[in-house]
C-alpha cells in the first residue's frame, strides 16, 4: 500500500510541475519576438515527434504505411480538412494493403 501511495504522489508531481512551473517562473509577459515565435511552434513539433515514428509501425506492412503517409502529407499540404486527410490516408492504406 505504501508503494502505491508513493507512486501516486510521484506521478502527481510529475504531471503537476510542468504545468505550474512556467506560471511560477514567467510571471511577466514574454516580449521577445524570437521566444514568442519559438513557443508558438513547440506544440506542433512535439506532436510530430510523438506521432510520426508510430505511423510506420501502425500497419503490418511498411509499404502501406509509407503510401498512407505520402497521401496524408499531400492532402495536408493542399490544406484539406483533418477529416479528409485522415480518411484519405486510411483508404490508401486499405487499398494498398489489398494489392500487396
PDB file of N, CA and C in Angstrom:
ATOM      1  N   UNK A   1       0.823  -1.191   0.000  1.00  0.00           N
ATOM      2  CA  UNK A   1       0.000   0.000   0.000  1.00  0.00           C
ATOM      3  C   UNK A   1       0.865   1.253   0.000  1.00  0.00           C
ATOM      4  N   UNK A   2       1.960   1.214   0.751  1.00  0.00           N
ATOM      5  CA  UNK A   2       2.864   2.364   0.809  1.00  0.00           C
ATOM      6  C   UNK A   2       3.492   2.607  -0.565  1.00  0.00           C
ATOM      7  N   UNK A   3       3.855   1.541  -1.266  1.00  0.00           N
ATOM      8  CA  UNK A   3       4.434   1.663  -2.599  1.00  0.00           C
ATOM      9  C   UNK A   3       3.453   2.342  -3.561  1.00  0.00           C
ATOM     10  N   UNK A   4       2.192   1.971  -3.524  1.00  0.00           N
ATOM     11  CA  UNK A   4       1.175   2.562  -4.384  1.00  0.00           C
ATOM     12  C   UNK A   4       0.979   4.035  -4.049  1.00  0.00           C
ATOM     13  N   UNK A   5       1.008   4.382  -2.773  1.00  0.00           N
ATOM     14  CA  UNK A   5       0.842   5.779  -2.374  1.00  0.00           C
ATOM     15  C   UNK A   5       2.023   6.625  -2.861  1.00  0.00           C
ATOM     16  N   UNK A   6       3.229   6.116  -2.690  1.00  0.00           N
ATOM     17  CA  UNK A   6       4.417   6.852  -3.154  1.00  0.00           C
ATOM     18  C   UNK A   6       4.394   7.006  -4.675  1.00  0.00           C
ATOM     19  N   UNK A   7       4.004   5.971  -5.377  1.00  0.00           N
ATOM     20  CA  UNK A   7       3.913   6.039  -6.836  1.00  0.00           C
ATOM     21  C   UNK A   7       2.872   7.066  -7.269  1.00  0.00           C
ATOM     22  N   UNK A   8       1.756   7.127  -6.583  1.00  0.00           N
ATOM     23  CA  UNK A   8       0.711   8.094  -6.914  1.00  0.00           C
ATOM     24  C   UNK A   8       1.183   9.519  -6.675  1.00  0.00           C
ATOM     25  N   UNK A   9       1.865   9.750  -5.567  1.00  0.00           N
ATOM     26  CA  UNK A   9       2.379  11.089  -5.261  1.00  0.00           C
ATOM     27  C   UNK A   9       3.422  11.513  -6.295  1.00  0.00           C
ATOM     28  N   UNK A  10       4.309  10.601  -6.668  1.00  0.00           N
ATOM     29  CA  UNK A  10       5.321  10.925  -7.666  1.00  0.00           C
ATOM     30  C   UNK A  10       4.696  11.215  -9.033  1.00  0.00           C
ATOM     31  N   UNK A  11       3.699  10.441  -9.418  1.00  0.00           N
ATOM     32  CA  UNK A  11       3.014  10.698 -10.685  1.00  0.00           C
ATOM     33  C   UNK A  11       2.297  12.040 -10.669  1.00  0.00           C
ATOM     34  N   UNK A  12       1.707  12.388  -9.536  1.00  0.00           N
ATOM     35  CA  UNK A  12       1.041  13.681  -9.418  1.00  0.00           C
ATOM     36  C   UNK A  12       2.043  14.819  -9.553  1.00  0.00           C
ATOM     37  N   UNK A  13       3.199  14.693  -8.934  1.00  0.00           N
ATOM     38  CA  UNK A  13       4.230  15.725  -9.038  1.00  0.00           C
ATOM     39  C   UNK A  13       4.747  15.861 -10.465  1.00  0.00           C
ATOM     40  N   UNK A  14       4.958  14.732 -11.114  1.00  0.00           N
ATOM     41  CA  UNK A  14       5.490  14.764 -12.472  1.00  0.00           C
ATOM     42  C   UNK A  14       4.504  15.417 -13.436  1.00  0.00           C
ATOM     43  N   UNK A  15       3.221  15.234 -13.237  1.00  0.00           N
ATOM     44  CA  UNK A  15       2.246  15.852 -14.130  1.00  0.00           C
ATOM     45  C   UNK A  15       1.902  17.274 -13.719  1.00  0.00           C
ATOM     46  N   UNK A  16       2.029  17.598 -12.453  1.00  0.00           N
ATOM     47  CA  UNK A  16       1.657  18.924 -11.963  1.00  0.00           C
ATOM     48  C   UNK A  16       2.763  19.958 -12.162  1.00  0.00           C
ATOM     49  N   UNK A  17       4.007  19.581 -11.934  1.00  0.00           N
ATOM     50  CA  UNK A  17       5.126  20.528 -12.026  1.00  0.00           C
ATOM     51  C   UNK A  17       5.281  21.172 -13.406  1.00  0.00           C
ATOM     52  N   UNK A  18       5.225  20.425 -14.499  1.00  0.00           N
ATOM     53  CA  UNK A  18       5.373  21.089 -15.801  1.00  0.00           C
ATOM     54  C   UNK A  18       4.255  22.093 -16.110  1.00  0.00           C
ATOM     55  N   UNK A  19       3.142  21.969 -15.459  1.00  0.00           N
ATOM     56  CA  UNK A  19       2.041  22.909 -15.696  1.00  0.00           C
ATOM     57  C   UNK A  19       2.148  24.150 -14.812  1.00  0.00           C
ATOM     58  N   UNK A  20       2.671  23.992 -13.621  1.00  0.00           N
ATOM     59  CA  UNK A  20       2.750  25.109 -12.683  1.00  0.00           C
ATOM     60  C   UNK A  20       4.058  25.876 -12.829  1.00  0.00           C
ATOM     61  N   UNK A  21       5.127  25.183 -13.167  1.00  0.00           N
ATOM     62  CA  UNK A  21       6.438  25.807 -13.235  1.00  0.00           C
ATOM     63  C   UNK A  21       6.495  26.993 -14.206  1.00  0.00           C
ATOM     64  N   UNK A  22       5.976  26.903 -15.414  1.00  0.00           N
ATOM     65  CA  UNK A  22       6.017  28.079 -16.302  1.00  0.00           C
ATOM     66  C   UNK A  22       5.247  29.275 -15.740  1.00  0.00           C
ATOM     67  N   UNK A  23       4.152  29.014 -15.062  1.00  0.00           N
ATOM     68  CA  UNK A  23       3.384  30.116 -14.478  1.00  0.00           C
ATOM     69  C   UNK A  23       4.174  30.772 -13.353  1.00  0.00           C
ATOM     70  N   UNK A  24       4.860  29.970 -12.574  1.00  0.00           N
ATOM     71  CA  UNK A  24       5.634  30.497 -11.449  1.00  0.00           C
ATOM     72  C   UNK A  24       6.889  31.229 -11.920  1.00  0.00           C
ATOM     73  N   UNK A  25       7.526  30.743 -12.977  1.00  0.00           N
ATOM     74  CA  UNK A  25       8.780  31.341 -13.435  1.00  0.00           C
ATOM     75  C   UNK A  25       8.528  32.574 -14.294  1.00  0.00           C
ATOM     76  N   UNK A  26       7.592  32.486 -15.225  1.00  0.00           N
ATOM     77  CA  UNK A  26       7.336  33.584 -16.159  1.00  0.00           C
ATOM     78  C   UNK A  26       6.078  34.341 -15.749  1.00  0.00           C
ATOM     79  N   UNK A  27       6.221  35.217 -14.781  1.00  0.00           N
ATOM     80  CA  UNK A  27       5.063  35.984 -14.316  1.00  0.00           C
ATOM     81  C   UNK A  27       4.755  37.145 -15.246  1.00  0.00           C
ATOM     82  N   UNK A  28       5.770  37.702 -15.873  1.00  0.00           N
ATOM     83  CA  UNK A  28       5.566  38.815 -16.793  1.00  0.00           C
ATOM     84  C   UNK A  28       5.325  38.281 -18.206  1.00  0.00           C
ATOM     85  N   UNK A  29       4.749  39.127 -19.028  1.00  0.00           N
ATOM     86  CA  UNK A  29       4.514  38.752 -20.410  1.00  0.00           C
ATOM     87  C   UNK A  29       5.850  38.666 -21.147  1.00  0.00           C
ATOM     88  N   UNK A  30       5.991  37.651 -22.003  1.00  0.00           N
ATOM     89  CA  UNK A  30       7.219  37.485 -22.774  1.00  0.00           C
ATOM     90  C   UNK A  30       7.178  38.454 -23.943  1.00  0.00           C
ATOM     91  N   UNK A  31       8.169  39.354 -23.998  1.00  0.00           N
ATOM     92  CA  UNK A  31       8.172  40.395 -25.028  1.00  0.00           C
ATOM     93  C   UNK A  31       9.083  40.061 -26.199  1.00  0.00           C
ATOM     94  N   UNK A  32       9.987  39.137 -26.036  1.00  0.00           N
ATOM     95  CA  UNK A  32      10.910  38.773 -27.107  1.00  0.00           C
ATOM     96  C   UNK A  32      10.142  38.097 -28.242  1.00  0.00           C
ATOM     97  N   UNK A  33      10.253  38.656 -29.430  1.00  0.00           N
ATOM     98  CA  UNK A  33       9.538  38.073 -30.567  1.00  0.00           C
ATOM     99  C   UNK A  33      10.115  36.712 -30.944  1.00  0.00           C
ATOM    100  N   UNK A  34      11.416  36.542 -30.732  1.00  0.00           N
ATOM    101  CA  UNK A  34      12.046  35.251 -31.046  1.00  0.00           C
ATOM    102  C   UNK A  34      11.490  34.145 -30.141  1.00  0.00           C
ATOM    103  N   UNK A  35      11.429  34.403 -28.850  1.00  0.00           N
ATOM    104  CA  UNK A  35      10.925  33.393 -27.909  1.00  0.00           C
ATOM    105  C   UNK A  35       9.443  33.139 -28.138  1.00  0.00           C
ATOM    106  N   UNK A  36       8.678  34.197 -28.400  1.00  0.00           N
ATOM    107  CA  UNK A  36       7.243  34.021 -28.648  1.00  0.00           C
ATOM    108  C   UNK A  36       6.993  33.184 -29.901  1.00  0.00           C
ATOM    109  N   UNK A  37       7.745  33.448 -30.974  1.00  0.00           N
ATOM    110  CA  UNK A  37       7.548  32.668 -32.202  1.00  0.00           C
ATOM    111  C   UNK A  37       8.009  31.225 -31.999  1.00  0.00           C
ATOM    112  N   UNK A  38       9.078  31.033 -31.210  1.00  0.00           N
ATOM    113  CA  UNK A  38       9.544  29.675 -30.898  1.00  0.00           C
ATOM    114  C   UNK A  38       8.471  28.907 -30.133  1.00  0.00           C
ATOM    115  N   UNK A  39       7.863  29.543 -29.148  1.00  0.00           N
ATOM    116  CA  UNK A  39       6.852  28.875 -28.327  1.00  0.00           C
ATOM    117  C   UNK A  39       5.581  28.567 -29.108  1.00  0.00           C
ATOM    118  N   UNK A  40       5.330  29.299 -30.182  1.00  0.00           N
ATOM    119  CA  UNK A  40       4.154  29.008 -30.993  1.00  0.00           C
ATOM    120  C   UNK A  40       4.313  27.703 -31.774  1.00  0.00           C
ATOM    121  N   UNK A  41       5.555  27.338 -32.104  1.00  0.00           N
ATOM    122  CA  UNK A  41       5.791  26.124 -32.887  1.00  0.00           C
ATOM    123  C   UNK A  41       6.032  24.888 -32.035  1.00  0.00           C
ATOM    124  N   UNK A  42       6.237  25.043 -30.757  1.00  0.00           N
ATOM    125  CA  UNK A  42       6.555  23.906 -29.891  1.00  0.00           C
ATOM    126  C   UNK A  42       5.454  22.834 -29.890  1.00  0.00           C
ATOM    127  N   UNK A  43       4.177  23.178 -29.757  1.00  0.00           N
ATOM    128  CA  UNK A  43       3.151  22.112 -29.748  1.00  0.00           C
ATOM    129  C   UNK A  43       3.148  21.282 -31.026  1.00  0.00           C
ATOM    130  N   UNK A  44       3.337  21.906 -32.183  1.00  0.00           N
ATOM    131  CA  UNK A  44       3.339  21.169 -33.440  1.00  0.00           C
ATOM    132  C   UNK A  44       4.557  20.262 -33.551  1.00  0.00           C
ATOM    133  N   UNK A  45       5.694  20.752 -33.102  1.00  0.00           N
ATOM    134  CA  UNK A  45       6.921  19.949 -33.157  1.00  0.00           C
ATOM    135  C   UNK A  45       6.826  18.740 -32.230  1.00  0.00           C
ATOM    136  N   UNK A  46       6.289  18.949 -31.044  1.00  0.00           N
ATOM    137  CA  UNK A  46       6.160  17.838 -30.095  1.00  0.00           C
ATOM    138  C   UNK A  46       5.154  16.813 -30.606  1.00  0.00           C
ATOM    139  N   UNK A  47       4.049  17.278 -31.143  1.00  0.00           N
ATOM    140  CA  UNK A  47       3.050  16.361 -31.691  1.00  0.00           C
ATOM    141  C   UNK A  47       3.631  15.542 -32.841  1.00  0.00           C
ATOM    142  N   UNK A  48       4.374  16.197 -33.708  1.00  0.00           N
ATOM    143  CA  UNK A  48       5.003  15.484 -34.815  1.00  0.00           C
ATOM    144  C   UNK A  48       6.031  14.470 -34.346  1.00  0.00           C
ATOM    145  N   UNK A  49       6.815  14.857 -33.367  1.00  0.00           N
ATOM    146  CA  UNK A  49       7.848  13.947 -32.851  1.00  0.00           C
ATOM    147  C   UNK A  49       7.233  12.740 -32.147  1.00  0.00           C
ATOM    148  N   UNK A  50       6.081  12.920 -31.546  1.00  0.00           N
ATOM    149  CA  UNK A  50       5.437  11.810 -30.846  1.00  0.00           C
ATOM    150  C   UNK A  50       4.691  10.869 -31.791  1.00  0.00           C
ATOM    151  N   UNK A  51       4.094  11.411 -32.828  1.00  0.00           N
ATOM    152  CA  UNK A  51       3.242  10.579 -33.683  1.00  0.00           C
ATOM    153  C   UNK A  51       3.940  10.030 -34.917  1.00  0.00           C
ATOM    154  N   UNK A  52       4.908  10.748 -35.460  1.00  0.00           N
ATOM    155  CA  UNK A  52       5.487  10.337 -36.738  1.00  0.00           C
ATOM    156  C   UNK A  52       6.145   8.956 -36.701  1.00  0.00           C
ATOM    157  N   UNK A  53       6.942   8.609 -35.694  1.00  0.00           N
ATOM    158  CA  UNK A  53       7.534   7.254 -35.694  1.00  0.00           C
ATOM    159  C   UNK A  53       6.495   6.132 -35.609  1.00  0.00           C
ATOM    160  N   UNK A  54       5.390   6.388 -34.931  1.00  0.00           N
ATOM    161  CA  UNK A  54       4.362   5.353 -34.788  1.00  0.00           C
ATOM    162  C   UNK A  54       3.566   5.127 -36.066  1.00  0.00           C
ATOM    163  N   UNK A  55       3.623   6.069 -36.976  1.00  0.00           N
ATOM    164  CA  UNK A  55       2.898   5.911 -38.235  1.00  0.00           C
ATOM    165  C   UNK A  55       3.397   4.678 -38.983  1.00  0.00           C
ATOM    166  N   UNK A  56       4.706   4.473 -38.986  1.00  0.00           N
ATOM    167  CA  UNK A  56       5.282   3.378 -39.766  1.00  0.00           C
ATOM    168  C   UNK A  56       5.112   2.019 -39.088  1.00  0.00           C
ATOM    169  N   UNK A  57       4.756   2.022 -37.820  1.00  0.00           N
ATOM    170  CA  UNK A  57       4.511   0.760 -37.118  1.00  0.00           C
ATOM    171  C   UNK A  57       3.024   0.471 -36.954  1.00  0.00           C
ATOM    172  N   UNK A  58       2.171   1.303 -37.525  1.00  0.00           N
ATOM    173  CA  UNK A  58       0.733   1.153 -37.309  1.00  0.00           C
ATOM    174  C   UNK A  58       0.097   0.086 -38.196  1.00  0.00           C
ATOM    175  N   UNK A  59       0.768  -0.279 -39.265  1.00  0.00           N
ATOM    176  CA  UNK A  59       0.232  -1.317 -40.145  1.00  0.00           C
ATOM    177  C   UNK A  59       1.182  -2.506 -40.162  1.00  0.00           C
ATOM    178  N   UNK A  60       0.723  -3.587 -40.750  1.00  0.00           N
ATOM    179  CA  UNK A  60       1.569  -4.780 -40.810  1.00  0.00           C
ATOM    180  C   UNK A  60       2.626  -4.677 -41.897  1.00  0.00           C
ATOM    181  N   UNK A  61       2.446  -3.736 -42.813  1.00  0.00           N
ATOM    182  CA  UNK A  61       3.385  -3.585 -43.920  1.00  0.00           C
ATOM    183  C   UNK A  61       3.961  -2.175 -43.916  1.00  0.00           C
ATOM    184  N   UNK A  62       5.256  -2.099 -44.055  1.00  0.00           N
ATOM    185  CA  UNK A  62       5.932  -0.800 -44.107  1.00  0.00           C
ATOM    186  C   UNK A  62       5.513  -0.029 -45.352  1.00  0.00           C
ATOM    187  N   UNK A  63       5.296  -0.732 -46.459  1.00  0.00           N
ATOM    188  CA  UNK A  63       4.931  -0.097 -47.727  1.00  0.00           C
ATOM    189  C   UNK A  63       3.578   0.597 -47.636  1.00  0.00           C
ATOM    190  N   UNK A  64       2.597  -0.048 -47.038  1.00  0.00           N
ATOM    191  CA  UNK A  64       1.278   0.586 -46.916  1.00  0.00           C
ATOM    192  C   UNK A  64       1.340   1.819 -46.012  1.00  0.00           C
ATOM    193  N   UNK A  65       2.166   1.766 -44.982  1.00  0.00           N
ATOM    194  CA  UNK A  65       2.309   2.908 -44.090  1.00  0.00           C
ATOM    195  C   UNK A  65       2.947   4.092 -44.808  1.00  0.00           C
ATOM    196  N   UNK A  66       3.941   3.823 -45.636  1.00  0.00           N
ATOM    197  CA  UNK A  66       4.592   4.896 -46.394  1.00  0.00           C
ATOM    198  C   UNK A  66       3.611   5.505 -47.398  1.00  0.00           C
ATOM    199  N   UNK A  67       2.846   4.669 -48.078  1.00  0.00           N
ATOM    200  CA  UNK A  67       1.860   5.179 -49.038  1.00  0.00           C
ATOM    201  C   UNK A  67       0.807   6.044 -48.349  1.00  0.00           C
ATOM    202  N   UNK A  68       0.312   5.587 -47.209  1.00  0.00           N
ATOM    203  CA  UNK A  68      -0.666   6.381 -46.460  1.00  0.00           C
ATOM    204  C   UNK A  68      -0.094   7.693 -45.969  1.00  0.00           C
ATOM    205  N   UNK A  69       1.152   7.678 -45.549  1.00  0.00           N
ATOM    206  CA  UNK A  69       1.803   8.901 -45.085  1.00  0.00           C
ATOM    207  C   UNK A  69       1.977   9.892 -46.226  1.00  0.00           C
ATOM    208  N   UNK A  70       2.379   9.406 -47.388  1.00  0.00           N
ATOM    209  CA  UNK A  70       2.549  10.292 -48.540  1.00  0.00           C
ATOM    210  C   UNK A  70       1.229  10.942 -48.928  1.00  0.00           C
ATOM    211  N   UNK A  71       0.164  10.167 -48.972  1.00  0.00           N
ATOM    212  CA  UNK A  71      -1.155  10.725 -49.305  1.00  0.00           C
ATOM    213  C   UNK A  71      -1.597  11.733 -48.249  1.00  0.00           C
ATOM    214  N   UNK A  72      -1.368  11.424 -46.981  1.00  0.00           N
ATOM    215  CA  UNK A  72      -1.743  12.348 -45.910  1.00  0.00           C
ATOM    216  C   UNK A  72      -0.955  13.658 -46.012  1.00  0.00           C
ATOM    217  N   UNK A  73       0.329  13.572 -46.311  1.00  0.00           N
ATOM    218  CA  UNK A  73       1.136  14.790 -46.448  1.00  0.00           C
ATOM    219  C   UNK A  73       0.686  15.628 -47.642  1.00  0.00           C
ATOM    220  N   UNK A  74       0.351  14.972 -48.757  1.00  0.00           N
ATOM    221  CA  UNK A  74      -0.130  15.708 -49.932  1.00  0.00           C
ATOM    222  C   UNK A  74      -1.445  16.404 -49.631  1.00  0.00           C
ATOM    223  N   UNK A  75      -2.381  15.697 -49.009  1.00  0.00           N
ATOM    224  CA  UNK A  75      -3.678  16.300 -48.683  1.00  0.00           C
ATOM    225  C   UNK A  75      -3.532  17.425 -47.659  1.00  0.00           C
ATOM    226  N   UNK A  76      -2.653  17.245 -46.683  1.00  0.00           N
ATOM    227  CA  UNK A  76      -2.437  18.296 -45.689  1.00  0.00           C
ATOM    228  C   UNK A  76      -1.773  19.512 -46.324  1.00  0.00           C
ATOM    229  N   UNK A  77      -0.852  19.289 -47.262  1.00  0.00           N
ATOM    230  CA  UNK A  77      -0.194  20.392 -47.950  1.00  0.00           C
ATOM    231  C   UNK A  77      -1.196  21.190 -48.772  1.00  0.00           C
ATOM    232  N   UNK A  78      -2.198  20.519 -49.303  1.00  0.00           N
ATOM    233  CA  UNK A  78      -3.261  21.201 -50.074  1.00  0.00           C
ATOM    234  C   UNK A  78      -4.337  21.802 -49.170  1.00  0.00           C
ATOM    235  N   UNK A  79      -4.076  21.789 -47.867  1.00  0.00           N
ATOM    236  CA  UNK A  79      -4.933  22.411 -46.845  1.00  0.00           C
ATOM    237  C   UNK A  79      -6.336  21.814 -46.793  1.00  0.00           C
ATOM    238  N   UNK A  80      -6.411  20.506 -46.926  1.00  0.00           N
ATOM    239  CA  UNK A  80      -7.690  19.811 -46.748  1.00  0.00           C
ATOM    240  C   UNK A  80      -7.976  19.683 -45.256  1.00  0.00           C
ATOM    241  N   UNK A  81      -9.210  19.387 -44.908  1.00  0.00           N
ATOM    242  CA  UNK A  81      -9.581  19.270 -43.501  1.00  0.00           C
ATOM    243  C   UNK A  81      -8.953  18.029 -42.888  1.00  0.00           C
ATOM    244  N   UNK A  82      -8.890  18.011 -41.575  1.00  0.00           N
ATOM    245  CA  UNK A  82      -8.303  16.875 -40.874  1.00  0.00           C
ATOM    246  C   UNK A  82      -9.054  15.589 -41.182  1.00  0.00           C
ATOM    247  N   UNK A  83     -10.365  15.686 -41.312  1.00  0.00           N
ATOM    248  CA  UNK A  83     -11.177  14.513 -41.639  1.00  0.00           C
ATOM    249  C   UNK A  83     -10.800  13.953 -43.005  1.00  0.00           C
ATOM    250  N   UNK A  84     -10.640  14.819 -43.988  1.00  0.00           N
ATOM    251  CA  UNK A  84     -10.290  14.385 -45.341  1.00  0.00           C
ATOM    252  C   UNK A  84      -8.891  13.778 -45.360  1.00  0.00           C
ATOM    253  N   UNK A  85      -7.949  14.378 -44.641  1.00  0.00           N
ATOM    254  CA  UNK A  85      -6.587  13.857 -44.583  1.00  0.00           C
ATOM    255  C   UNK A  85      -6.573  12.462 -43.952  1.00  0.00           C
ATOM    256  N   UNK A  86      -7.263  12.314 -42.832  1.00  0.00           N
ATOM    257  CA  UNK A  86      -7.293  11.012 -42.152  1.00  0.00           C
ATOM    258  C   UNK A  86      -7.993   9.968 -43.001  1.00  0.00           C
ATOM    259  N   UNK A  87      -9.120  10.322 -43.597  1.00  0.00           N
ATOM    260  CA  UNK A  87      -9.854   9.377 -44.435  1.00  0.00           C
ATOM    261  C   UNK A  87      -9.044   8.981 -45.667  1.00  0.00           C
ATOM    262  N   UNK A  88      -8.366   9.946 -46.276  1.00  0.00           N
ATOM    263  CA  UNK A  88      -7.526   9.632 -47.437  1.00  0.00           C
ATOM    264  C   UNK A  88      -6.393   8.696 -47.091  1.00  0.00           C
ATOM    265  N   UNK A  89      -5.766   8.914 -45.948  1.00  0.00           N
ATOM    266  CA  UNK A  89      -4.666   8.050 -45.527  1.00  0.00           C
ATOM    267  C   UNK A  89      -5.170   6.647 -45.210  1.00  0.00           C
ATOM    268  N   UNK A  90      -6.300   6.556 -44.538  1.00  0.00           N
ATOM    269  CA  UNK A  90      -6.866   5.250 -44.188  1.00  0.00           C
ATOM    270  C   UNK A  90      -7.251   4.468 -45.435  1.00  0.00           C
ATOM    271  N   UNK A  91      -7.905   5.143 -46.372  1.00  0.00           N
ATOM    272  CA  UNK A  91      -8.300   4.465 -47.615  1.00  0.00           C
ATOM    273  C   UNK A  91      -7.089   4.033 -48.418  1.00  0.00           C
ATOM    274  N   UNK A  92      -6.061   4.850 -48.440  1.00  0.00           N
ATOM    275  CA  UNK A  92      -4.834   4.488 -49.159  1.00  0.00           C
ATOM    276  C   UNK A  92      -4.172   3.257 -48.556  1.00  0.00           C
ATOM    277  N   UNK A  93      -4.104   3.221 -47.233  1.00  0.00           N
ATOM    278  CA  UNK A  93      -3.522   2.046 -46.564  1.00  0.00           C
ATOM    279  C   UNK A  93      -4.358   0.808 -46.855  1.00  0.00           C
ATOM    280  N   UNK A  94      -5.666   0.955 -46.827  1.00  0.00           N
ATOM    281  CA  UNK A  94      -6.540  -0.187 -47.080  1.00  0.00           C
ATOM    282  C   UNK A  94      -6.382  -0.698 -48.523  1.00  0.00           C
ATOM    283  N   UNK A  95      -6.409   0.206 -49.488  1.00  0.00           N
ATOM    284  CA  UNK A  95      -6.329  -0.193 -50.897  1.00  0.00           C
ATOM    285  C   UNK A  95      -4.952  -0.778 -51.219  1.00  0.00           C
ATOM    286  N   UNK A  96      -3.884  -0.138 -50.732  1.00  0.00           N
ATOM    287  CA  UNK A  96      -2.554  -0.703 -50.999  1.00  0.00           C
ATOM    288  C   UNK A  96      -2.357  -2.035 -50.274  1.00  0.00           C
ATOM    289  N   UNK A  97      -3.015  -2.214 -49.145  1.00  0.00           N
ATOM    290  CA  UNK A  97      -2.955  -3.489 -48.442  1.00  0.00           C
ATOM    291  C   UNK A  97      -3.637  -4.605 -49.202  1.00  0.00           C
ATOM    292  N   UNK A  98      -4.675  -4.257 -49.982  1.00  0.00           N
ATOM    293  CA  UNK A  98      -5.356  -5.266 -50.796  1.00  0.00           C
ATOM    294  C   UNK A  98      -4.483  -5.760 -51.932  1.00  0.00           C
ATOM    295  N   UNK A  99      -3.668  -4.871 -52.486  1.00  0.00           N
ATOM    296  CA  UNK A  99      -2.852  -5.227 -53.661  1.00  0.00           C
ATOM    297  C   UNK A  99      -1.501  -5.814 -53.282  1.00  0.00           C
ATOM    298  N   UNK A 100      -1.070  -5.630 -52.053  1.00  0.00           N
ATOM    299  CA  UNK A 100       0.260  -6.141 -51.677  1.00  0.00           C
ATOM    300  C   UNK A 100       0.173  -7.412 -50.883  1.00  0.00           C
TER     301      UNK A 100
END
